[in-house]
């Protein structure tokens, strides 16, 4: 196992860019575009050759066919409290402090609003697989209320999302789906691994409580997992999801080093 120690802040800031541009197109289930992917906490994504960026209240669409001169195609007002964006097939799922918003890019690169799934005020990243959305909600400095939990939502009818189940969590942050495995970051409480062969009913496999985690990205083709958190970046082999093998780590250097 490789272990590199250095100041982590510049790396964490740059990591989402690295992963989106070099990510694996083999995980077609997780990434419907086949063009790369970032973590579930990302504010920008690529889908069908276009770049989508969210800020607090808007969703911007860019044509990047000419990388040296990206063209802004549209800016949509999507309401306050937008935090994350996740691509799946021909759709964009926005995580907000008030719920999940679903947009279609099936017929046009400029998104078309489809529906909302509302919940109590809480921080809210989301991932989607096979018609099921997994939404984590937590309290925090900017998310004052709501119980820490993961919601399992049926999105097979994209215009009518339906809550199926609520699973209590400790302090959930980012999450990622890879085939029949769901990884959920638990902040200072580590991260959890769920079996989702039965998509609506996640079954907890294991809880790795020694590594604080903020976000997670999976590479289904190589069965590799990247966890980011305050202590650094950790890479695992999850060929056997019941027994993860650590491959490498880049750890945070103490401030006095």
Protein backbone atom coordinates (compact mmCIF):
# COMPACT_ATOMS: atom_id res chain seq x y z
CA UNK A 1 0.00 0.00 0.00
CA UNK A 2 1.32 3.42 -0.94
CA UNK A 3 1.20 6.18 1.64
CA UNK A 4 1.95 9.79 0.67
CA UNK A 5 1.81 12.61 3.20
CA UNK A 6 1.44 16.22 2.08
CA UNK A 7 -0.81 19.22 2.42
CA UNK A 8 -4.22 18.00 1.30
CA UNK A 9 -6.15 21.22 0.62
CA UNK A 10 -4.80 21.91 -2.89
CA UNK A 11 -5.34 18.26 -3.86
CA UNK A 12 -8.91 18.14 -2.58
CA UNK A 13 -9.68 21.34 -4.45
CA UNK A 14 -8.32 19.90 -7.70
CA UNK A 15 -9.54 16.32 -7.31
CA UNK A 16 -13.07 16.80 -8.74
CA UNK A 17 -11.56 18.22 -11.93
CA UNK A 18 -9.15 15.31 -12.25
CA UNK A 19 -11.87 12.77 -11.73
CA UNK A 20 -14.34 14.30 -14.13
CA UNK A 21 -11.79 14.57 -16.94
CA UNK A 22 -10.11 11.21 -16.35
CA UNK A 23 -12.93 9.19 -14.85
CA UNK A 24 -13.94 5.81 -16.09
CA UNK A 25 -16.50 5.39 -18.81
CA UNK A 26 -16.95 1.71 -18.00
CA UNK A 27 -19.52 2.33 -15.27
CA UNK A 28 -22.39 2.91 -17.65
CA UNK A 29 -24.98 2.28 -14.96
CA UNK A 30 -23.64 5.04 -12.76
CA UNK A 31 -22.71 7.45 -15.55
CA UNK A 32 -25.22 7.44 -18.35
CA UNK A 33 -23.18 9.84 -20.47
CA UNK A 34 -20.08 7.65 -20.71
CA UNK A 35 -18.06 10.87 -20.57
CA UNK A 36 -16.69 10.92 -17.03
CA UNK A 37 -18.03 11.60 -13.59
CA UNK A 38 -17.39 13.40 -10.36
CA UNK A 39 -18.54 12.81 -6.81
CA UNK A 40 -22.10 13.19 -5.58
CA UNK A 41 -21.16 16.52 -3.94
CA UNK A 42 -20.16 18.05 -7.29
CA UNK A 43 -21.65 21.32 -8.57
CA UNK A 44 -20.86 20.61 -12.21
CA UNK A 45 -21.08 17.63 -14.54
CA UNK A 46 -20.79 16.53 -18.17
CA UNK A 47 -23.66 14.86 -20.02
CA UNK A 48 -24.03 14.13 -23.75
CA UNK A 49 -21.16 16.45 -24.59
CA UNK A 50 -22.43 19.44 -22.60
CA UNK A 51 -21.27 21.00 -19.34
CA UNK A 52 -23.84 21.74 -16.62
CA UNK A 53 -23.03 23.96 -13.64
CA UNK A 54 -25.22 24.78 -10.64
CA UNK A 55 -24.81 27.55 -8.12
CA UNK A 56 -27.09 28.58 -5.26
CA UNK A 57 -30.11 29.14 -7.52
CA UNK A 58 -29.25 28.65 -11.21
CA UNK A 59 -28.44 25.86 -13.65
CA UNK A 60 -26.19 26.85 -16.56
CA UNK A 61 -25.72 24.89 -19.78
CA UNK A 62 -22.53 25.20 -21.86
CA UNK A 63 -21.70 23.82 -25.28
CA UNK A 64 -18.06 22.69 -25.00
CA UNK A 65 -17.64 21.28 -28.51
CA UNK A 66 -15.04 24.03 -28.90
CA UNK A 67 -13.10 23.77 -25.61
CA UNK A 68 -11.27 27.04 -26.23
CA UNK A 69 -14.52 28.95 -26.59
CA UNK A 70 -17.34 27.37 -24.54
CA UNK A 71 -20.75 28.78 -25.38
CA UNK A 72 -23.40 29.51 -22.75
CA UNK A 73 -26.65 28.05 -24.10
CA UNK A 74 -28.95 28.83 -21.22
CA UNK A 75 -29.36 29.84 -17.59
CA UNK A 76 -32.33 28.45 -15.67
CA UNK A 77 -33.59 29.72 -12.34
CA UNK A 78 -34.04 26.54 -10.29
CA UNK A 79 -34.84 28.07 -6.90
CA UNK A 80 -32.76 28.64 -3.79
CA UNK A 81 -30.60 26.15 -1.91
CA UNK A 82 -29.15 24.13 -4.80
CA UNK A 83 -26.11 22.14 -3.65
CA UNK A 84 -25.31 19.25 -6.02
CA UNK A 85 -25.90 17.91 -9.53
CA UNK A 86 -25.91 14.28 -10.68
CA UNK A 87 -26.32 12.96 -14.27
CA UNK A 88 -28.19 9.75 -15.05
CA UNK A 89 -29.15 8.62 -18.54
CA UNK A 90 -30.89 11.66 -20.12
CA UNK A 91 -31.63 13.41 -16.85
CA UNK A 92 -30.11 15.72 -14.27
CA UNK A 93 -30.88 15.32 -10.57
CA UNK A 94 -30.29 18.40 -8.44
CA UNK A 95 -29.82 18.04 -4.70
CA UNK A 96 -31.13 21.05 -2.81
CA UNK A 97 -31.67 21.97 0.81
CA UNK A 98 -35.39 21.51 0.23
CA UNK A 99 -35.42 18.34 -1.83
CA UNK A 100 -34.51 16.81 -5.17
CA UNK A 101 -35.26 18.39 -8.56
CA UNK A 102 -35.36 16.42 -11.80
CA UNK A 103 -34.62 17.88 -15.24
CA UNK A 104 -34.61 16.24 -18.67
CA UNK A 105 -32.05 16.80 -21.46
CA UNK A 106 -33.55 14.07 -23.62
CA UNK A 107 -34.77 16.37 -26.39
CA UNK A 108 -32.57 19.44 -25.91
CA UNK A 109 -29.25 20.21 -24.22
CA UNK A 110 -31.04 22.99 -22.30
CA UNK A 111 -32.74 21.20 -19.37
CA UNK A 112 -36.51 20.88 -19.09
CA UNK A 113 -38.03 20.74 -15.60
CA UNK A 114 -39.88 17.52 -14.77
CA UNK A 115 -40.58 17.33 -11.04
CA UNK A 116 -39.67 17.97 -7.40
CA UNK A 117 -39.30 15.64 -4.45
CA UNK A 118 -39.51 17.66 -1.25
CA UNK A 119 -38.25 16.95 2.26
CA UNK A 120 -37.46 18.90 5.41
CA UNK A 121 -34.65 21.50 5.32
CA UNK A 122 -31.37 19.56 5.15
CA UNK A 123 -28.19 19.15 3.08
CA UNK A 124 -28.93 16.84 0.21
CA UNK A 125 -26.69 15.01 -2.32
CA UNK A 126 -28.31 12.35 -4.54
CA UNK A 127 -27.33 9.43 -6.79
CA UNK A 128 -29.55 7.32 -9.04
CA UNK A 129 -29.49 3.72 -10.29
CA UNK A 130 -32.11 1.63 -12.09
CA UNK A 131 -35.05 3.87 -11.31
CA UNK A 132 -34.12 4.33 -7.63
CA UNK A 133 -32.65 7.51 -6.13
CA UNK A 134 -30.66 7.46 -2.90
CA UNK A 135 -30.73 10.80 -1.10
CA UNK A 136 -28.71 11.60 2.03
CA UNK A 137 -29.88 14.30 4.43
CA UNK A 138 -27.95 15.71 7.35
CA UNK A 139 -27.95 18.58 9.78
CA UNK A 140 -25.03 21.03 9.82
CA UNK A 141 -23.95 24.64 9.95
CA UNK A 142 -25.97 25.58 6.86
CA UNK A 143 -28.58 22.85 7.27
CA UNK A 144 -30.20 23.60 10.57
CA UNK A 145 -32.98 21.02 10.77
CA UNK A 146 -33.97 17.52 9.74
CA UNK A 147 -32.92 14.12 10.99
CA UNK A 148 -29.75 12.48 9.65
CA UNK A 149 -31.00 9.83 7.24
CA UNK A 150 -30.94 8.32 3.77
CA UNK A 151 -34.13 8.32 1.74
CA UNK A 152 -34.83 5.72 -0.94
CA UNK A 153 -36.99 7.25 -3.67
CA UNK A 154 -38.71 5.56 -6.61
CA UNK A 155 -38.02 7.71 -9.69
CA UNK A 156 -39.24 5.24 -12.30
CA UNK A 157 -41.95 7.83 -12.99
CA UNK A 158 -39.76 10.90 -13.26
CA UNK A 159 -42.73 13.24 -12.99
CA UNK A 160 -43.90 11.63 -9.76
CA UNK A 161 -41.02 10.65 -7.41
CA UNK A 162 -42.21 8.50 -4.51
CA UNK A 163 -40.56 7.88 -1.12
CA UNK A 164 -40.10 4.16 -0.46
CA UNK A 165 -37.99 3.99 2.68
CA UNK A 166 -36.07 6.07 5.21
CA UNK A 167 -32.86 4.68 6.74
CA UNK A 168 -31.38 6.35 9.87
CA UNK A 169 -27.78 7.54 9.42
CA UNK A 170 -25.15 9.20 11.62
CA UNK A 171 -23.97 12.18 9.54
CA UNK A 172 -24.36 11.27 5.84
CA UNK A 173 -22.50 13.19 3.13
CA UNK A 174 -21.63 11.98 -0.37
CA UNK A 175 -22.56 8.61 -1.82
CA UNK A 176 -21.97 6.46 -4.92
CA UNK A 177 -23.58 3.47 -6.63
CA UNK A 178 -21.62 0.75 -8.41
CA UNK A 179 -23.69 -2.13 -9.79
CA UNK A 180 -25.26 -3.70 -6.68
CA UNK A 181 -23.17 -1.85 -4.09
CA UNK A 182 -23.93 1.53 -2.50
CA UNK A 183 -21.23 3.48 -0.63
CA UNK A 184 -22.30 6.24 1.77
CA UNK A 185 -19.95 8.68 3.52
CA UNK A 186 -20.72 9.35 7.19
CA UNK A 187 -18.50 12.37 7.88
CA UNK A 188 -16.44 11.88 11.04
CA UNK A 189 -18.12 8.48 11.47
CA UNK A 190 -16.39 6.91 8.45
CA UNK A 191 -18.29 5.32 5.58
CA UNK A 192 -20.78 2.50 5.06
CA UNK A 193 -21.21 -0.18 2.40
CA UNK A 194 -24.69 -1.41 1.41
CA UNK A 195 -25.83 -4.33 -0.72
CA UNK A 196 -28.54 -3.07 -3.12
CA UNK A 197 -29.32 -6.19 -5.15
CA UNK A 198 -32.82 -5.44 -3.95
CA UNK A 199 -32.69 -1.78 -5.03
CA UNK A 200 -35.47 -0.41 -2.79
CA UNK A 201 -34.06 -2.17 0.28
CA UNK A 202 -30.38 -1.39 0.97
CA UNK A 203 -28.76 -3.92 3.31
CA UNK A 204 -25.80 -2.74 5.40
CA UNK A 205 -22.70 -4.85 4.69
CA UNK A 206 -20.08 -3.05 6.74
CA UNK A 207 -19.16 0.20 8.46
CA UNK A 208 -15.56 1.47 8.21
CA UNK A 209 -15.54 3.95 11.08
CA UNK A 210 -11.84 4.91 11.21
CA UNK A 211 -11.65 7.10 8.09
CA UNK A 212 -13.64 10.38 8.10
CA UNK A 213 -15.26 10.71 4.67
CA UNK A 214 -16.78 13.56 2.69
CA UNK A 215 -17.35 12.14 -0.78
CA UNK A 216 -16.84 8.91 -2.73
CA UNK A 217 -16.28 7.99 -6.38
CA UNK A 218 -16.37 4.47 -7.81
CA UNK A 219 -14.75 2.91 -10.88
CA UNK A 220 -16.90 -0.12 -11.66
CA UNK A 221 -14.63 -1.41 -14.44
CA UNK A 222 -11.61 -1.66 -12.16
CA UNK A 223 -13.56 -2.13 -8.92
CA UNK A 224 -11.77 0.79 -7.32
CA UNK A 225 -13.13 3.25 -4.80
CA UNK A 226 -11.85 6.71 -3.89
CA UNK A 227 -12.82 8.24 -0.55
CA UNK A 228 -12.06 11.91 0.22
CA UNK A 229 -12.20 13.40 3.70
CA UNK A 230 -10.42 15.65 6.19
CA UNK A 231 -7.63 13.11 6.70
CA UNK A 232 -6.84 12.75 3.00
CA UNK A 233 -7.66 10.65 -0.05
CA UNK A 234 -7.99 6.86 0.26
CA UNK A 235 -8.22 4.32 -2.55
CA UNK A 236 -9.71 0.84 -2.14
CA UNK A 237 -10.21 -2.32 -4.14
CA UNK A 238 -13.84 -3.42 -3.73
CA UNK A 239 -13.76 -6.58 -5.83
CA UNK A 240 -15.15 -8.18 -2.67
CA UNK A 241 -17.47 -5.51 -1.19
CA UNK A 242 -17.58 -7.49 2.05
CA UNK A 243 -13.81 -7.05 2.51
CA UNK A 244 -12.38 -3.83 1.05
CA UNK A 245 -8.61 -3.74 0.44
CA UNK A 246 -6.82 -0.41 0.84
CA UNK A 247 -4.59 0.34 -2.17
CA UNK A 248 -3.13 3.75 -1.40
CA UNK A 249 -3.59 6.93 0.55
CA UNK A 250 -2.60 10.57 0.44
CA UNK A 251 -2.82 11.78 4.01
CA UNK A 252 -3.11 15.26 5.41
CA UNK A 253 0.16 16.63 6.78
CA UNK A 254 -0.01 18.31 10.20
CA UNK A 255 0.06 22.09 9.88
CA UNK A 256 3.43 22.29 11.68
CA UNK A 257 5.15 20.00 9.16
